[in-house]
Amino acid sequence: MNAMNSAFILVPRLPGPKRRMWMMAVLCSLLMACTPALNWREVRNDDAGWKALFPAKPVEATRPLPMPNAKSPMALTLRSARIQNTLFAVGVVPEGSADVRSALEDAMLTNIRSQANDVRRRTLMINGHPAVELDAKGLMLIDPVKPAVPARLFMRSLVVPATAGLPRRVLEIIAVGPETELTEEQARQFIESLALLGQ
């Protein structure tokens, strides 16, 4: 028997309304204790010319990105951190174009099975360069033997012209996870932290 199963809580004798308020306070405390802490730190990538705040130490991986009518896949390099089932990531595609940016966006929306009426887009500037922000709802499969759960996606992406010895590139920053885990505050703290170095 683990500590959680063997523990008990003494409930004070209180009138009905006060008793309910006390129980709600205890429940909130237990839920907060089960939520992993986010340890925000600045991460820089001088080779790709970006920096961002991550909630945990990220790892880096590169994978092929197939493109229509392309002779060979392009390389997508991701630095990502995972908190439970939520992913925080920054991706870079060297020599990427507007078509590549759109392909990355479409891939993320497909991953969460998002429908057109569940997607909100807006344009903004990141260090003087136009970018697109997505706020989308969809579904995420966490357990293969259970139904998919509601998910949220927050994403910014842009094409960065060649500058300061760096090639033209596509940058994307993504926060995606179950609605029960990923809050808009956490997602916005992450995606709004993206900045270009030397700009």
Protein backbone atom coordinates (compact mmCIF):
# COMPACT_ATOMS: atom_id res chain seq x y z
CA MET A 1 0.00 0.00 0.00
CA ASN A 2 1.51 3.34 -0.97
CA ALA A 3 1.51 6.53 1.06
CA MET A 4 -1.40 8.00 -0.89
CA ASN A 5 -3.61 4.96 -0.23
CA SER A 6 -2.69 4.75 3.46
CA ALA A 7 -3.06 8.48 4.18
CA PHE A 8 -6.24 9.94 5.65
CA ILE A 9 -7.55 13.47 6.15
CA LEU A 10 -9.28 14.64 9.30
CA VAL A 11 -12.37 16.61 8.33
CA PRO A 12 -13.33 19.27 10.89
CA ARG A 13 -16.92 19.57 12.06
CA LEU A 14 -18.15 22.63 10.20
CA PRO A 15 -21.55 23.87 8.97
CA GLY A 16 -22.48 22.67 5.48
CA PRO A 17 -21.24 25.66 3.37
CA LYS A 18 -17.98 26.03 5.33
CA ARG A 19 -17.39 22.27 5.17
CA ARG A 20 -17.74 22.31 1.36
CA MET A 21 -15.34 25.27 1.11
CA TRP A 22 -12.81 23.45 3.31
CA MET A 23 -13.03 20.31 1.19
CA MET A 24 -12.55 22.33 -2.00
CA ALA A 25 -9.43 23.97 -0.55
CA VAL A 26 -8.00 20.55 0.37
CA LEU A 27 -8.79 19.19 -3.10
CA CYS A 28 -7.07 22.16 -4.79
CA SER A 29 -4.00 21.65 -2.60
CA LEU A 30 -3.83 17.96 -3.55
CA LEU A 31 -4.15 18.75 -7.24
CA MET A 32 -1.40 21.37 -7.04
CA ALA A 33 0.85 18.86 -5.29
CA CYS A 34 0.40 16.43 -8.19
CA THR A 35 1.22 19.05 -10.84
CA PRO A 36 4.88 18.98 -11.90
CA ALA A 37 6.76 22.22 -11.36
CA LEU A 38 7.86 24.15 -14.43
CA ASN A 39 11.49 25.18 -14.14
CA TRP A 40 11.79 28.01 -16.67
CA ARG A 41 15.20 28.74 -18.15
CA GLU A 42 16.51 30.61 -21.18
CA VAL A 43 17.81 28.41 -23.99
CA ARG A 44 19.87 29.89 -26.83
CA ASN A 45 20.75 28.39 -30.18
CA ASP A 46 23.42 30.60 -31.72
CA ASP A 47 23.78 28.34 -34.77
CA ALA A 48 20.11 28.90 -35.69
CA GLY A 49 19.83 32.42 -34.26
CA TRP A 50 17.06 32.08 -31.66
CA LYS A 51 16.39 32.04 -27.92
CA ALA A 52 13.37 31.03 -25.85
CA LEU A 53 12.26 30.18 -22.32
CA PHE A 54 11.79 26.43 -21.76
CA PRO A 55 9.97 24.91 -18.76
CA ALA A 56 12.58 22.11 -18.53
CA LYS A 57 15.94 21.19 -20.05
CA PRO A 58 15.34 20.45 -23.75
CA VAL A 59 16.83 17.71 -25.89
CA GLU A 60 17.70 18.06 -29.58
CA ALA A 61 16.79 15.76 -32.45
CA THR A 62 16.78 16.07 -36.24
CA ARG A 63 14.31 14.29 -38.48
CA PRO A 64 13.49 14.39 -42.19
CA LEU A 65 10.66 16.64 -43.36
CA PRO A 66 9.18 15.35 -46.66
CA MET A 67 7.95 18.10 -48.99
CA PRO A 68 5.73 17.72 -52.08
CA ASN A 69 7.66 17.85 -55.37
CA ALA A 70 10.98 17.84 -53.52
CA LYS A 71 13.72 15.43 -54.59
CA SER A 72 14.77 14.81 -51.00
CA PRO A 73 13.39 15.61 -47.53
CA MET A 74 14.45 18.75 -45.71
CA ALA A 75 15.95 18.59 -42.22
CA LEU A 76 13.84 19.69 -39.24
CA THR A 77 15.84 20.14 -36.05
CA LEU A 78 13.82 20.29 -32.84
CA ARG A 79 14.77 21.26 -29.33
CA SER A 80 11.99 20.02 -27.09
CA ALA A 81 11.01 19.46 -23.48
CA ARG A 82 8.15 17.27 -22.31
CA ILE A 83 6.17 17.81 -19.12
CA GLN A 84 3.89 14.79 -18.62
CA ASN A 85 2.03 14.64 -21.96
CA THR A 86 2.68 18.24 -23.00
CA LEU A 87 5.38 19.15 -25.52
CA PHE A 88 7.25 22.45 -25.69
CA ALA A 89 9.45 22.71 -28.79
CA VAL A 90 11.33 25.04 -31.13
CA GLY A 91 11.96 23.77 -34.64
CA VAL A 92 14.29 25.04 -37.36
CA VAL A 93 14.35 24.19 -41.08
CA PRO A 94 17.42 25.67 -42.84
CA GLU A 95 16.68 27.13 -46.27
CA GLY A 96 12.97 26.84 -45.47
CA SER A 97 10.39 28.81 -47.42
CA ALA A 98 6.80 29.98 -46.93
CA ASP A 99 5.64 26.61 -48.26
CA VAL A 100 7.70 24.86 -45.58
CA ARG A 101 6.20 27.07 -42.88
CA SER A 102 2.69 26.20 -44.10
CA ALA A 103 3.57 22.49 -44.19
CA LEU A 104 4.74 22.56 -40.57
CA GLU A 105 1.54 24.30 -39.54
CA ASP A 106 -0.64 21.81 -41.43
CA ALA A 107 1.25 18.88 -39.90
CA MET A 108 0.60 20.10 -36.35
CA LEU A 109 -3.11 20.67 -37.03
CA THR A 110 -3.35 17.18 -38.54
CA ASN A 111 -1.59 15.68 -35.51
CA ILE A 112 -4.34 16.92 -33.19
CA ARG A 113 -7.15 16.27 -35.70
CA SER A 114 -8.14 19.92 -35.58
CA GLN A 115 -11.13 21.14 -37.58
CA ALA A 116 -11.22 24.48 -39.43
CA ASN A 117 -13.70 26.05 -37.02
CA ASP A 118 -11.45 25.14 -34.07
CA VAL A 119 -8.47 27.15 -35.37
CA ARG A 120 -7.76 30.81 -34.68
CA ARG A 121 -4.99 32.58 -36.61
CA ARG A 122 -3.44 35.99 -36.30
CA THR A 123 -0.40 37.69 -37.75
CA LEU A 124 2.20 39.47 -35.65
CA MET A 125 5.81 40.64 -35.81
CA ILE A 126 8.78 38.90 -34.22
CA ASN A 127 11.85 41.13 -34.23
CA GLY A 128 10.49 42.93 -37.27
CA HIS A 129 9.59 39.80 -39.25
CA PRO A 130 5.98 38.73 -39.99
CA ALA A 131 4.85 35.58 -38.20
CA VAL A 132 1.66 33.54 -37.87
CA GLU A 133 0.19 32.49 -34.53
CA LEU A 134 -2.18 29.55 -34.13
CA ASP A 135 -4.51 28.76 -31.26
CA ALA A 136 -6.24 25.48 -32.04
CA LYS A 137 -8.32 22.82 -30.35
CA GLY A 138 -8.34 19.16 -31.28
CA LEU A 139 -7.81 15.64 -29.96
CA MET A 140 -4.71 13.84 -28.70
CA LEU A 141 -4.21 10.11 -28.25
CA ILE A 142 -2.34 9.52 -24.99
CA ASP A 143 -3.21 5.88 -24.27
CA PRO A 144 -3.72 3.57 -27.29
CA VAL A 145 -6.42 1.63 -25.45
CA LYS A 146 -8.36 4.74 -24.43
CA PRO A 147 -10.24 7.38 -26.44
CA ALA A 148 -8.40 10.51 -27.54
CA VAL A 149 -8.62 13.46 -25.13
CA PRO A 150 -9.26 17.16 -25.89
CA ALA A 151 -6.03 18.97 -26.72
CA ARG A 152 -4.76 22.51 -27.28
CA LEU A 153 -2.11 23.75 -29.68
CA PHE A 154 -0.37 27.11 -29.49
CA MET A 155 2.12 27.80 -32.28
CA ARG A 156 4.08 30.63 -33.86
CA SER A 157 6.04 30.25 -37.09
CA LEU A 158 7.89 32.50 -39.49
CA VAL A 159 10.39 32.64 -42.33
CA VAL A 160 13.58 34.42 -41.27
CA PRO A 161 15.65 35.96 -44.10
CA ALA A 162 19.37 35.23 -44.32
CA THR A 163 21.18 37.51 -41.86
CA ALA A 164 24.49 37.72 -40.01
CA GLY A 165 25.98 34.68 -41.71
CA LEU A 166 22.89 32.51 -41.14
CA PRO A 167 20.89 31.10 -44.06
CA ARG A 168 17.22 31.75 -44.64
CA ARG A 169 15.28 29.48 -42.31
CA VAL A 170 11.85 28.65 -40.95
CA LEU A 171 11.35 28.85 -37.20
CA GLU A 172 8.45 27.36 -35.29
CA ILE A 173 7.67 27.36 -31.59
CA ILE A 174 5.02 24.97 -30.30
CA ALA A 175 3.19 24.17 -27.08
CA VAL A 176 0.80 21.24 -27.46
CA GLY A 177 -0.85 18.98 -24.93
CA PRO A 178 -4.07 17.82 -23.26
CA GLU A 179 -6.44 20.56 -22.14
CA THR A 180 -6.24 19.16 -18.61
CA GLU A 181 -2.47 19.78 -18.51
CA LEU A 182 -1.58 22.71 -20.77
CA THR A 183 -2.85 26.09 -19.62
CA GLU A 184 -3.00 29.09 -21.91
CA GLU A 185 -0.80 30.99 -19.48
CA GLN A 186 1.95 28.35 -19.72
CA ALA A 187 1.65 28.11 -23.49
CA ARG A 188 1.80 31.86 -24.00
CA GLN A 189 4.75 32.26 -21.66
CA PHE A 190 6.58 29.81 -23.91
CA ILE A 191 5.61 30.91 -27.42
CA GLU A 192 5.85 34.61 -26.61
CA SER A 193 9.43 34.13 -25.38
CA LEU A 194 10.78 33.32 -28.85
CA ALA A 195 13.22 35.99 -30.03
CA LEU A 196 15.78 36.20 -32.83
CA LEU A 197 19.41 36.70 -31.96
CA GLY A 198 21.27 39.56 -33.52
CA GLN A 199 18.04 41.27 -34.65
